[in-house]
């Protein structure tokens, strides 16, 4: 059995997908790579097929009708044969030495018969024309040991788990019945958030594993693109609010509950600031409606968000927009 299945959802990715694939091949004997062509109209499919032909024991090329990023992630999980499952976006890549360290660690955990539900690694913002920004978790997670939620510290406002930093146990992830919405952007937040309350064991490797490229003008995390697609950001935020009440875990798993609250706060902040940037009557109405939605669904969570990061995003634009720009400069997102 392969140790990790890497799923690479691709849509018109001919210009950059080879860099992503090549970065994984250093571990080709221990991994499976699923290149999922999501109905591309360029040479993505041909490139995927050529790699599958060259590395038949490692790479599989999968053709599907266009369904969006979430659809590709779903198919990858369905077809994965590796012990662990990791999504790598086609314009991103991984660092070779940390990849080998992850492989070594999985072998160790397998030998000890203690495969954890989730592994966590660092990721690096590779932003065009700017200095790299490394996101680490050593301030909040124990290193190089199996741990539970009881040992997780407090996440800072600019720090939270992303799809880039998590590697799920395939069997565990399937057991959660996770299914991402199709034809929707920003579902990577659901991928991370939904399984969290069911996680029993974790392992953190303090290695700069994932390289997250930011710089393409058409990228989904480009600020102007996000404002245009704010309805999808709102949809994902509401979906996460609907999943479960974090306070249901307050007595049995308080550290997890606190992190779930932190994550919803971040999602409310992102949606709110995008609507602030939009700055039309329609955006203002959507902002009011989103906050009312949270209030009706979970009044306790609403009160926490009002006095936290997302509440600051909801202050008058003369305050919230400069604050957002400062945060963006510090944390390097979008």
C-alpha atoms as a PDB file:
ATOM      1  CA  UNK A   1       0.000   0.000   0.000  1.00  0.00           C
ATOM      2  CA  UNK A   2       1.187   3.509  -0.815  1.00  0.00           C
ATOM      3  CA  UNK A   3       1.746   5.803   2.170  1.00  0.00           C
ATOM      4  CA  UNK A   4       0.168   8.987   0.768  1.00  0.00           C
ATOM      5  CA  UNK A   5      -2.242   9.678  -2.045  1.00  0.00           C
ATOM      6  CA  UNK A   6      -1.643  13.134  -3.486  1.00  0.00           C
ATOM      7  CA  UNK A   7      -4.682  14.430  -5.355  1.00  0.00           C
ATOM      8  CA  UNK A   8      -4.002  17.231  -7.839  1.00  0.00           C
ATOM      9  CA  UNK A   9      -7.280  18.740  -9.101  1.00  0.00           C
ATOM     10  CA  UNK A  10      -6.509  20.451 -12.413  1.00  0.00           C
ATOM     11  CA  UNK A  11      -8.469  22.866 -14.533  1.00  0.00           C
ATOM     12  CA  UNK A  12      -6.637  24.411 -17.490  1.00  0.00           C
ATOM     13  CA  UNK A  13      -3.384  23.911 -15.616  1.00  0.00           C
ATOM     14  CA  UNK A  14      -1.001  23.265 -18.525  1.00  0.00           C
ATOM     15  CA  UNK A  15       1.256  26.213 -17.625  1.00  0.00           C
ATOM     16  CA  UNK A  16       2.181  25.122 -14.111  1.00  0.00           C
ATOM     17  CA  UNK A  17       1.022  21.574 -13.293  1.00  0.00           C
ATOM     18  CA  UNK A  18       4.329  19.929 -14.280  1.00  0.00           C
ATOM     19  CA  UNK A  19       6.201  21.814 -11.546  1.00  0.00           C
ATOM     20  CA  UNK A  20       3.665  20.536  -9.022  1.00  0.00           C
ATOM     21  CA  UNK A  21       3.945  16.923 -10.229  1.00  0.00           C
ATOM     22  CA  UNK A  22       7.747  16.948 -10.443  1.00  0.00           C
ATOM     23  CA  UNK A  23       8.034  18.177  -6.852  1.00  0.00           C
ATOM     24  CA  UNK A  24       6.344  14.979  -5.660  1.00  0.00           C
ATOM     25  CA  UNK A  25       8.272  12.437  -7.689  1.00  0.00           C
ATOM     26  CA  UNK A  26      11.225  12.317  -5.294  1.00  0.00           C
ATOM     27  CA  UNK A  27       9.005   9.997  -3.220  1.00  0.00           C
ATOM     28  CA  UNK A  28       7.442   8.139  -6.149  1.00  0.00           C
ATOM     29  CA  UNK A  29       7.973   4.665  -4.659  1.00  0.00           C
ATOM     30  CA  UNK A  30       5.975   5.515  -1.541  1.00  0.00           C
ATOM     31  CA  UNK A  31       3.170   7.672  -2.930  1.00  0.00           C
ATOM     32  CA  UNK A  32       0.265   7.670  -5.324  1.00  0.00           C
ATOM     33  CA  UNK A  33      -0.456  10.744  -7.449  1.00  0.00           C
ATOM     34  CA  UNK A  34      -3.950  11.250  -8.838  1.00  0.00           C
ATOM     35  CA  UNK A  35      -4.027  13.948 -11.510  1.00  0.00           C
ATOM     36  CA  UNK A  36      -7.707  14.854 -11.790  1.00  0.00           C
ATOM     37  CA  UNK A  37      -8.538  16.709 -14.982  1.00  0.00           C
ATOM     38  CA  UNK A  38     -11.699  18.667 -14.206  1.00  0.00           C
ATOM     39  CA  UNK A  39     -12.990  19.161 -17.745  1.00  0.00           C
ATOM     40  CA  UNK A  40     -10.073  21.283 -18.972  1.00  0.00           C
ATOM     41  CA  UNK A  41     -10.039  22.769 -22.472  1.00  0.00           C
ATOM     42  CA  UNK A  42      -6.241  23.056 -22.788  1.00  0.00           C
ATOM     43  CA  UNK A  43      -3.460  20.441 -22.722  1.00  0.00           C
ATOM     44  CA  UNK A  44      -4.000  19.470 -19.067  1.00  0.00           C
ATOM     45  CA  UNK A  45      -5.372  16.038 -19.985  1.00  0.00           C
ATOM     46  CA  UNK A  46      -2.536  15.293 -22.392  1.00  0.00           C
ATOM     47  CA  UNK A  47       0.087  16.244 -19.800  1.00  0.00           C
ATOM     48  CA  UNK A  48      -1.621  14.077 -17.176  1.00  0.00           C
ATOM     49  CA  UNK A  49      -1.727  11.099 -19.544  1.00  0.00           C
ATOM     50  CA  UNK A  50       1.940  11.469 -20.439  1.00  0.00           C
ATOM     51  CA  UNK A  51       2.941  11.373 -16.773  1.00  0.00           C
ATOM     52  CA  UNK A  52       0.680   8.384 -16.098  1.00  0.00           C
ATOM     53  CA  UNK A  53       2.316   6.534 -18.992  1.00  0.00           C
ATOM     54  CA  UNK A  54       5.825   7.396 -17.784  1.00  0.00           C
ATOM     55  CA  UNK A  55       5.162   6.524 -14.108  1.00  0.00           C
ATOM     56  CA  UNK A  56       2.430   3.835 -14.209  1.00  0.00           C
ATOM     57  CA  UNK A  57       3.176   2.584 -10.681  1.00  0.00           C
ATOM     58  CA  UNK A  58       2.822   6.062  -9.183  1.00  0.00           C
ATOM     59  CA  UNK A  59       0.560   8.268 -11.298  1.00  0.00           C
ATOM     60  CA  UNK A  60      -3.015   7.879 -12.486  1.00  0.00           C
ATOM     61  CA  UNK A  61      -4.686  10.330 -14.856  1.00  0.00           C
ATOM     62  CA  UNK A  62      -8.394  10.786 -14.213  1.00  0.00           C
ATOM     63  CA  UNK A  63     -10.797  12.505 -16.591  1.00  0.00           C
ATOM     64  CA  UNK A  64     -14.075  13.975 -15.330  1.00  0.00           C
ATOM     65  CA  UNK A  65     -16.659  16.523 -16.283  1.00  0.00           C
ATOM     66  CA  UNK A  66     -16.147  19.978 -14.843  1.00  0.00           C
ATOM     67  CA  UNK A  67     -17.413  20.156 -11.285  1.00  0.00           C
ATOM     68  CA  UNK A  68     -15.060  22.593  -9.602  1.00  0.00           C
ATOM     69  CA  UNK A  69     -12.265  22.148  -7.072  1.00  0.00           C
ATOM     70  CA  UNK A  70     -14.470  20.419  -4.506  1.00  0.00           C
ATOM     71  CA  UNK A  71     -15.538  17.853  -7.060  1.00  0.00           C
ATOM     72  CA  UNK A  72     -11.909  17.011  -7.775  1.00  0.00           C
ATOM     73  CA  UNK A  73     -11.146  16.639  -4.076  1.00  0.00           C
ATOM     74  CA  UNK A  74     -14.171  14.365  -3.640  1.00  0.00           C
ATOM     75  CA  UNK A  75     -13.111  12.126  -6.529  1.00  0.00           C
ATOM     76  CA  UNK A  76      -9.555  11.972  -5.246  1.00  0.00           C
ATOM     77  CA  UNK A  77     -10.765  10.801  -1.844  1.00  0.00           C
ATOM     78  CA  UNK A  78     -13.036   8.232  -3.440  1.00  0.00           C
ATOM     79  CA  UNK A  79     -10.195   6.733  -5.504  1.00  0.00           C
ATOM     80  CA  UNK A  80      -7.311   7.135  -3.033  1.00  0.00           C
ATOM     81  CA  UNK A  81      -5.434   3.971  -2.060  1.00  0.00           C
ATOM     82  CA  UNK A  82      -2.818   5.568   0.205  1.00  0.00           C
ATOM     83  CA  UNK A  83      -2.826   5.470   4.003  1.00  0.00           C
ATOM     84  CA  UNK A  84      -3.000   9.280   3.996  1.00  0.00           C
ATOM     85  CA  UNK A  85      -4.670  11.774   1.698  1.00  0.00           C
ATOM     86  CA  UNK A  86      -3.235  15.128   0.694  1.00  0.00           C
ATOM     87  CA  UNK A  87      -4.568  17.698  -1.778  1.00  0.00           C
ATOM     88  CA  UNK A  88      -2.045  19.785  -3.710  1.00  0.00           C
ATOM     89  CA  UNK A  89      -3.374  22.534  -5.952  1.00  0.00           C
ATOM     90  CA  UNK A  90      -1.926  22.377  -9.458  1.00  0.00           C
ATOM     91  CA  UNK A  91      -0.228  25.794  -9.201  1.00  0.00           C
ATOM     92  CA  UNK A  92       1.415  24.928  -5.875  1.00  0.00           C
ATOM     93  CA  UNK A  93       4.172  22.453  -5.031  1.00  0.00           C
ATOM     94  CA  UNK A  94       5.884  20.744  -2.097  1.00  0.00           C
ATOM     95  CA  UNK A  95       9.446  20.907  -0.835  1.00  0.00           C
ATOM     96  CA  UNK A  96      11.341  17.664  -1.413  1.00  0.00           C
ATOM     97  CA  UNK A  97      13.210  17.270   1.905  1.00  0.00           C
ATOM     98  CA  UNK A  98      10.108  17.900   4.063  1.00  0.00           C
ATOM     99  CA  UNK A  99       8.205  15.433   1.857  1.00  0.00           C
ATOM    100  CA  UNK A 100      10.765  12.735   2.622  1.00  0.00           C
ATOM    101  CA  UNK A 101      10.512  13.617   6.314  1.00  0.00           C
ATOM    102  CA  UNK A 102       6.733  13.169   6.177  1.00  0.00           C
ATOM    103  CA  UNK A 103       7.198   9.767   4.494  1.00  0.00           C
ATOM    104  CA  UNK A 104       9.730   8.748   7.153  1.00  0.00           C
ATOM    105  CA  UNK A 105       7.323   9.792   9.920  1.00  0.00           C
ATOM    106  CA  UNK A 106       4.395   7.846   8.457  1.00  0.00           C
ATOM    107  CA  UNK A 107       6.589   4.734   8.242  1.00  0.00           C
ATOM    108  CA  UNK A 108       7.506   5.202  11.895  1.00  0.00           C
ATOM    109  CA  UNK A 109       3.866   5.653  12.961  1.00  0.00           C
ATOM    110  CA  UNK A 110       2.803   2.645  10.900  1.00  0.00           C
ATOM    111  CA  UNK A 111       5.511   0.490  12.479  1.00  0.00           C
ATOM    112  CA  UNK A 112       4.363   1.614  15.930  1.00  0.00           C
ATOM    113  CA  UNK A 113       0.746   0.890  14.896  1.00  0.00           C
ATOM    114  CA  UNK A 114      -0.279   4.422  15.820  1.00  0.00           C
ATOM    115  CA  UNK A 115      -1.440   6.073  12.602  1.00  0.00           C
ATOM    116  CA  UNK A 116      -2.940   9.410  13.587  1.00  0.00           C
ATOM    117  CA  UNK A 117      -6.122  10.954  12.180  1.00  0.00           C
ATOM    118  CA  UNK A 118      -4.377  14.126  11.010  1.00  0.00           C
ATOM    119  CA  UNK A 119      -0.820  15.250  10.391  1.00  0.00           C
ATOM    120  CA  UNK A 120       0.014  18.966  10.343  1.00  0.00           C
ATOM    121  CA  UNK A 121       2.907  20.610   8.485  1.00  0.00           C
ATOM    122  CA  UNK A 122       3.968  24.187   7.783  1.00  0.00           C
ATOM    123  CA  UNK A 123       3.166  26.004   4.569  1.00  0.00           C
ATOM    124  CA  UNK A 124       4.930  28.873   2.816  1.00  0.00           C
ATOM    125  CA  UNK A 125       3.320  31.811   1.018  1.00  0.00           C
ATOM    126  CA  UNK A 126       5.184  32.100  -2.297  1.00  0.00           C
ATOM    127  CA  UNK A 127       3.834  35.520  -3.245  1.00  0.00           C
ATOM    128  CA  UNK A 128       4.997  37.034  -6.523  1.00  0.00           C
ATOM    129  CA  UNK A 129       7.568  39.785  -5.936  1.00  0.00           C
ATOM    130  CA  UNK A 130       7.507  39.486  -2.142  1.00  0.00           C
ATOM    131  CA  UNK A 131       9.513  37.786   0.582  1.00  0.00           C
ATOM    132  CA  UNK A 132       8.363  34.318   1.608  1.00  0.00           C
ATOM    133  CA  UNK A 133       6.052  34.044   4.594  1.00  0.00           C
ATOM    134  CA  UNK A 134       6.208  30.778   6.548  1.00  0.00           C
ATOM    135  CA  UNK A 135       3.192  29.722   8.607  1.00  0.00           C
ATOM    136  CA  UNK A 136       4.290  27.547  11.518  1.00  0.00           C
ATOM    137  CA  UNK A 137       2.338  25.945  14.366  1.00  0.00           C
ATOM    138  CA  UNK A 138       5.086  25.348  16.937  1.00  0.00           C
ATOM    139  CA  UNK A 139       3.533  28.019  19.163  1.00  0.00           C
ATOM    140  CA  UNK A 140       0.324  26.016  19.456  1.00  0.00           C
ATOM    141  CA  UNK A 141       1.026  22.336  18.652  1.00  0.00           C
ATOM    142  CA  UNK A 142       3.465  19.877  20.267  1.00  0.00           C
ATOM    143  CA  UNK A 143       6.192  18.745  17.878  1.00  0.00           C
ATOM    144  CA  UNK A 144       7.198  15.216  16.826  1.00  0.00           C
ATOM    145  CA  UNK A 145       4.750  13.324  18.999  1.00  0.00           C
ATOM    146  CA  UNK A 146       1.253  11.919  18.891  1.00  0.00           C
ATOM    147  CA  UNK A 147      -1.114  14.254  20.736  1.00  0.00           C
ATOM    148  CA  UNK A 148      -4.790  14.973  21.311  1.00  0.00           C
ATOM    149  CA  UNK A 149      -6.908  18.134  21.462  1.00  0.00           C
ATOM    150  CA  UNK A 150      -6.066  18.412  25.173  1.00  0.00           C
ATOM    151  CA  UNK A 151      -2.511  19.425  24.235  1.00  0.00           C
ATOM    152  CA  UNK A 152      -3.445  22.032  21.619  1.00  0.00           C
ATOM    153  CA  UNK A 153      -2.745  25.633  22.593  1.00  0.00           C
ATOM    154  CA  UNK A 154      -4.467  28.865  21.596  1.00  0.00           C
ATOM    155  CA  UNK A 155      -4.336  29.870  17.943  1.00  0.00           C
ATOM    156  CA  UNK A 156      -3.414  33.472  17.250  1.00  0.00           C
ATOM    157  CA  UNK A 157      -5.705  35.703  15.112  1.00  0.00           C
ATOM    158  CA  UNK A 158      -3.608  35.242  11.964  1.00  0.00           C
ATOM    159  CA  UNK A 159      -3.004  31.532  12.458  1.00  0.00           C
ATOM    160  CA  UNK A 160      -5.321  28.704  11.547  1.00  0.00           C
ATOM    161  CA  UNK A 161      -5.208  25.372   9.758  1.00  0.00           C
ATOM    162  CA  UNK A 162      -5.622  25.421   5.988  1.00  0.00           C
ATOM    163  CA  UNK A 163      -5.874  22.682   3.387  1.00  0.00           C
ATOM    164  CA  UNK A 164      -2.188  23.355   2.709  1.00  0.00           C
ATOM    165  CA  UNK A 165      -1.163  22.326   6.218  1.00  0.00           C
ATOM    166  CA  UNK A 166      -3.248  19.194   6.839  1.00  0.00           C
ATOM    167  CA  UNK A 167      -2.690  15.595   5.757  1.00  0.00           C
ATOM    168  CA  UNK A 168      -5.620  13.373   6.691  1.00  0.00           C
ATOM    169  CA  UNK A 169      -5.681   9.676   7.407  1.00  0.00           C
ATOM    170  CA  UNK A 170      -7.645   8.378   4.398  1.00  0.00           C
ATOM    171  CA  UNK A 171      -9.721   5.867   6.370  1.00  0.00           C
ATOM    172  CA  UNK A 172     -10.534   8.507   8.983  1.00  0.00           C
ATOM    173  CA  UNK A 173     -11.504  11.139   6.423  1.00  0.00           C
ATOM    174  CA  UNK A 174     -13.826   8.722   4.637  1.00  0.00           C
ATOM    175  CA  UNK A 175     -15.452   7.861   7.960  1.00  0.00           C
ATOM    176  CA  UNK A 176     -16.526  11.513   8.381  1.00  0.00           C
ATOM    177  CA  UNK A 177     -18.647  11.271   5.179  1.00  0.00           C
ATOM    178  CA  UNK A 178     -17.109  14.531   3.958  1.00  0.00           C
ATOM    179  CA  UNK A 179     -18.445  15.652   0.586  1.00  0.00           C
ATOM    180  CA  UNK A 180     -17.528  19.086  -0.690  1.00  0.00           C
ATOM    181  CA  UNK A 181     -19.996  21.219  -2.678  1.00  0.00           C
ATOM    182  CA  UNK A 182     -19.396  21.279  -6.424  1.00  0.00           C
ATOM    183  CA  UNK A 183     -19.043  24.358  -8.646  1.00  0.00           C
ATOM    184  CA  UNK A 184     -18.095  26.383  -5.574  1.00  0.00           C
ATOM    185  CA  UNK A 185     -14.907  28.183  -4.641  1.00  0.00           C
ATOM    186  CA  UNK A 186     -13.376  28.364  -1.132  1.00  0.00           C
ATOM    187  CA  UNK A 187     -14.549  24.863  -0.129  1.00  0.00           C
ATOM    188  CA  UNK A 188     -11.028  24.140   1.154  1.00  0.00           C
ATOM    189  CA  UNK A 189     -12.258  25.694   4.416  1.00  0.00           C
ATOM    190  CA  UNK A 190     -14.937  22.998   4.659  1.00  0.00           C
ATOM    191  CA  UNK A 191     -12.307  20.335   3.941  1.00  0.00           C
ATOM    192  CA  UNK A 192     -10.390  21.401   7.045  1.00  0.00           C
ATOM    193  CA  UNK A 193     -13.258  22.403   9.326  1.00  0.00           C
ATOM    194  CA  UNK A 194     -15.820  19.620   8.991  1.00  0.00           C
ATOM    195  CA  UNK A 195     -13.669  16.682  10.246  1.00  0.00           C
ATOM    196  CA  UNK A 196     -12.164  18.513  13.247  1.00  0.00           C
ATOM    197  CA  UNK A 197     -14.570  17.434  16.032  1.00  0.00           C
ATOM    198  CA  UNK A 198     -14.050  13.766  15.114  1.00  0.00           C
ATOM    199  CA  UNK A 199     -10.260  13.907  15.249  1.00  0.00           C
ATOM    200  CA  UNK A 200      -8.783  11.934  18.137  1.00  0.00           C
ATOM    201  CA  UNK A 201      -5.048  11.963  17.415  1.00  0.00           C
ATOM    202  CA  UNK A 202      -2.683  14.351  15.623  1.00  0.00           C
ATOM    203  CA  UNK A 203       0.988  14.739  14.797  1.00  0.00           C
ATOM    204  CA  UNK A 204       2.845  17.968  13.965  1.00  0.00           C
ATOM    205  CA  UNK A 205       6.016  18.105  11.893  1.00  0.00           C
ATOM    206  CA  UNK A 206       7.703  21.495  12.006  1.00  0.00           C
ATOM    207  CA  UNK A 207       8.854  21.373   8.372  1.00  0.00           C
ATOM    208  CA  UNK A 208       8.125  23.863   5.576  1.00  0.00           C
ATOM    209  CA  UNK A 209       6.356  21.322   3.421  1.00  0.00           C
ATOM    210  CA  UNK A 210       3.760  23.055   1.231  1.00  0.00           C
ATOM    211  CA  UNK A 211       4.481  25.939  -1.145  1.00  0.00           C
ATOM    212  CA  UNK A 212       1.388  28.080  -1.673  1.00  0.00           C
ATOM    213  CA  UNK A 213       1.782  30.242  -4.752  1.00  0.00           C
ATOM    214  CA  UNK A 214      -0.017  33.597  -4.899  1.00  0.00           C
ATOM    215  CA  UNK A 215       0.323  35.951  -7.807  1.00  0.00           C
ATOM    216  CA  UNK A 216      -1.875  35.004 -10.759  1.00  0.00           C
ATOM    217  CA  UNK A 217      -4.459  37.698 -11.530  1.00  0.00           C
ATOM    218  CA  UNK A 218      -7.172  35.088 -12.126  1.00  0.00           C
ATOM    219  CA  UNK A 219      -6.458  33.225  -8.893  1.00  0.00           C
ATOM    220  CA  UNK A 220      -9.442  32.553  -6.632  1.00  0.00           C
ATOM    221  CA  UNK A 221      -7.698  34.255  -3.676  1.00  0.00           C
ATOM    222  CA  UNK A 222      -6.912  37.420  -5.633  1.00  0.00           C
ATOM    223  CA  UNK A 223      -8.719  40.207  -3.751  1.00  0.00           C
ATOM    224  CA  UNK A 224     -10.673  41.545  -6.732  1.00  0.00           C
ATOM    225  CA  UNK A 225     -11.703  37.998  -7.692  1.00  0.00           C
ATOM    226  CA  UNK A 226     -12.826  37.289  -4.131  1.00  0.00           C
ATOM    227  CA  UNK A 227     -15.009  40.409  -4.095  1.00  0.00           C
ATOM    228  CA  UNK A 228     -16.650  39.273  -7.337  1.00  0.00           C
ATOM    229  CA  UNK A 229     -17.210  35.816  -5.850  1.00  0.00           C
ATOM    230  CA  UNK A 230     -18.236  37.004  -2.398  1.00  0.00           C
ATOM    231  CA  UNK A 231     -21.551  35.141  -2.658  1.00  0.00           C
ATOM    232  CA  UNK A 232     -19.602  31.879  -2.715  1.00  0.00           C
ATOM    233  CA  UNK A 233     -17.543  32.956   0.295  1.00  0.00           C
ATOM    234  CA  UNK A 234     -20.795  33.738   2.117  1.00  0.00           C
ATOM    235  CA  UNK A 235     -22.254  30.364   1.083  1.00  0.00           C
ATOM    236  CA  UNK A 236     -19.240  28.503   2.484  1.00  0.00           C
ATOM    237  CA  UNK A 237     -19.355  30.543   5.712  1.00  0.00           C
ATOM    238  CA  UNK A 238     -23.065  29.790   6.207  1.00  0.00           C
ATOM    239  CA  UNK A 239     -22.479  26.122   5.417  1.00  0.00           C
ATOM    240  CA  UNK A 240     -19.834  25.933   8.132  1.00  0.00           C
ATOM    241  CA  UNK A 241     -22.128  27.685  10.618  1.00  0.00           C
ATOM    242  CA  UNK A 242     -24.806  25.101   9.837  1.00  0.00           C
ATOM    243  CA  UNK A 243     -22.591  22.036  10.329  1.00  0.00           C
ATOM    244  CA  UNK A 244     -22.635  21.971  14.112  1.00  0.00           C
ATOM    245  CA  UNK A 245     -22.650  24.152  17.207  1.00  0.00           C
ATOM    246  CA  UNK A 246     -19.095  24.457  18.603  1.00  0.00           C
ATOM    247  CA  UNK A 247     -20.534  24.840  22.081  1.00  0.00           C
ATOM    248  CA  UNK A 248     -21.889  21.291  21.894  1.00  0.00           C
ATOM    249  CA  UNK A 249     -18.266  20.224  22.438  1.00  0.00           C
ATOM    250  CA  UNK A 250     -17.526  22.736  25.193  1.00  0.00           C
ATOM    251  CA  UNK A 251     -17.717  20.242  28.067  1.00  0.00           C
ATOM    252  CA  UNK A 252     -16.201  17.194  26.357  1.00  0.00           C
ATOM    253  CA  UNK A 253     -13.576  18.738  24.063  1.00  0.00           C
ATOM    254  CA  UNK A 254     -13.070  22.392  24.998  1.00  0.00           C
ATOM    255  CA  UNK A 255      -9.833  22.932  23.045  1.00  0.00           C
ATOM    256  CA  UNK A 256     -11.527  21.740  19.867  1.00  0.00           C
ATOM    257  CA  UNK A 257     -14.589  23.887  20.581  1.00  0.00           C
ATOM    258  CA  UNK A 258     -12.400  26.969  21.006  1.00  0.00           C
ATOM    259  CA  UNK A 259     -10.687  26.308  17.700  1.00  0.00           C
ATOM    260  CA  UNK A 260     -14.005  25.809  15.891  1.00  0.00           C
ATOM    261  CA  UNK A 261     -15.149  29.184  17.251  1.00  0.00           C
ATOM    262  CA  UNK A 262     -11.851  30.727  16.120  1.00  0.00           C
ATOM    263  CA  UNK A 263     -12.351  29.337  12.613  1.00  0.00           C
ATOM    264  CA  UNK A 264     -15.909  30.679  12.286  1.00  0.00           C
ATOM    265  CA  UNK A 265     -14.645  34.049  13.513  1.00  0.00           C
ATOM    266  CA  UNK A 266     -12.031  34.047  10.734  1.00  0.00           C
ATOM    267  CA  UNK A 267     -14.648  33.098   8.122  1.00  0.00           C
ATOM    268  CA  UNK A 268     -16.993  35.839   9.274  1.00  0.00           C
ATOM    269  CA  UNK A 269     -14.090  38.283   9.150  1.00  0.00           C
ATOM    270  CA  UNK A 270     -13.152  37.352   5.567  1.00  0.00           C
ATOM    271  CA  UNK A 271     -16.747  37.568   4.319  1.00  0.00           C
ATOM    272  CA  UNK A 272     -17.352  40.855   6.127  1.00  0.00           C
ATOM    273  CA  UNK A 273     -14.222  42.611   4.901  1.00  0.00           C
ATOM    274  CA  UNK A 274     -14.875  41.524   1.301  1.00  0.00           C
ATOM    275  CA  UNK A 275     -18.345  43.047   1.553  1.00  0.00           C
ATOM    276  CA  UNK A 276     -16.800  46.191   3.039  1.00  0.00           C
ATOM    277  CA  UNK A 277     -14.402  46.410   0.099  1.00  0.00           C
ATOM    278  CA  UNK A 278     -17.316  45.949  -2.332  1.00  0.00           C
ATOM    279  CA  UNK A 279     -18.872  49.044  -0.801  1.00  0.00           C
ATOM    280  CA  UNK A 280     -22.282  49.093  -2.515  1.00  0.00           C
ATOM    281  CA  UNK A 281     -25.781  49.087  -1.058  1.00  0.00           C
ATOM    282  CA  UNK A 282     -26.085  45.479  -2.162  1.00  0.00           C
ATOM    283  CA  UNK A 283     -22.886  44.545  -0.348  1.00  0.00           C
ATOM    284  CA  UNK A 284     -24.066  46.353   2.769  1.00  0.00           C
ATOM    285  CA  UNK A 285     -27.353  44.466   2.690  1.00  0.00           C
ATOM    286  CA  UNK A 286     -25.563  41.135   2.288  1.00  0.00           C
ATOM    287  CA  UNK A 287     -23.316  41.987   5.225  1.00  0.00           C
ATOM    288  CA  UNK A 288     -26.303  42.725   7.463  1.00  0.00           C
ATOM    289  CA  UNK A 289     -28.006  39.546   6.296  1.00  0.00           C
ATOM    290  CA  UNK A 290     -24.919  37.407   7.035  1.00  0.00           C
ATOM    291  CA  UNK A 291     -24.601  38.738  10.576  1.00  0.00           C
ATOM    292  CA  UNK A 292     -28.328  38.264  11.152  1.00  0.00           C
ATOM    293  CA  UNK A 293     -27.977  34.700   9.868  1.00  0.00           C
ATOM    294  CA  UNK A 294     -25.291  33.962  12.461  1.00  0.00           C
ATOM    295  CA  UNK A 295     -27.367  35.617  15.177  1.00  0.00           C
ATOM    296  CA  UNK A 296     -30.404  33.481  14.381  1.00  0.00           C
ATOM    297  CA  UNK A 297     -28.396  30.266  14.092  1.00  0.00           C
ATOM    298  CA  UNK A 298     -26.152  30.689  17.119  1.00  0.00           C
ATOM    299  CA  UNK A 299     -26.650  33.719  19.337  1.00  0.00           C
ATOM    300  CA  UNK A 300     -23.779  32.779  21.648  1.00  0.00           C
ATOM    301  CA  UNK A 301     -21.330  32.503  18.751  1.00  0.00           C
ATOM    302  CA  UNK A 302     -22.698  35.747  17.296  1.00  0.00           C
ATOM    303  CA  UNK A 303     -21.871  37.616  20.517  1.00  0.00           C
ATOM    304  CA  UNK A 304     -18.318  36.242  20.530  1.00  0.00           C
ATOM    305  CA  UNK A 305     -17.728  37.223  16.901  1.00  0.00           C
ATOM    306  CA  UNK A 306     -19.083  40.736  17.481  1.00  0.00           C
ATOM    307  CA  UNK A 307     -16.277  41.476  19.943  1.00  0.00           C
ATOM    308  CA  UNK A 308     -13.542  39.553  18.121  1.00  0.00           C
ATOM    309  CA  UNK A 309     -11.694  39.680  14.758  1.00  0.00           C
ATOM    310  CA  UNK A 310     -14.826  39.564  12.636  1.00  0.00           C
ATOM    311  CA  UNK A 311     -16.421  42.256  14.773  1.00  0.00           C
ATOM    312  CA  UNK A 312     -13.467  44.524  14.015  1.00  0.00           C
ATOM    313  CA  UNK A 313     -14.035  43.862  10.306  1.00  0.00           C
ATOM    314  CA  UNK A 314     -17.576  45.111  10.743  1.00  0.00           C
ATOM    315  CA  UNK A 315     -16.509  48.526  12.049  1.00  0.00           C
ATOM    316  CA  UNK A 316     -16.902  51.575   9.768  1.00  0.00           C
ATOM    317  CA  UNK A 317     -14.826  51.328   6.572  1.00  0.00           C
ATOM    318  CA  UNK A 318     -12.526  54.159   7.674  1.00  0.00           C
ATOM    319  CA  UNK A 319     -11.329  51.804  10.430  1.00  0.00           C
ATOM    320  CA  UNK A 320     -11.845  48.293   9.039  1.00  0.00           C
ATOM    321  CA  UNK A 321     -10.219  48.747   5.612  1.00  0.00           C
ATOM    322  CA  UNK A 322      -6.905  50.223   6.915  1.00  0.00           C
ATOM    323  CA  UNK A 323      -6.877  47.478   9.560  1.00  0.00           C
ATOM    324  CA  UNK A 324      -7.368  44.851   6.882  1.00  0.00           C
ATOM    325  CA  UNK A 325      -4.525  46.281   4.772  1.00  0.00           C
ATOM    326  CA  UNK A 326      -2.163  46.180   7.742  1.00  0.00           C
ATOM    327  CA  UNK A 327      -3.150  42.574   8.489  1.00  0.00           C
ATOM    328  CA  UNK A 328      -2.675  41.601   4.846  1.00  0.00           C
ATOM    329  CA  UNK A 329       0.826  43.083   4.880  1.00  0.00           C
ATOM    330  CA  UNK A 330       1.732  41.180   8.036  1.00  0.00           C
ATOM    331  CA  UNK A 331       0.144  37.814   7.278  1.00  0.00           C
ATOM    332  CA  UNK A 332       0.600  37.858   3.446  1.00  0.00           C
ATOM    333  CA  UNK A 333      -2.814  36.346   2.647  1.00  0.00           C
ATOM    334  CA  UNK A 334      -4.306  36.934  -0.877  1.00  0.00           C
END
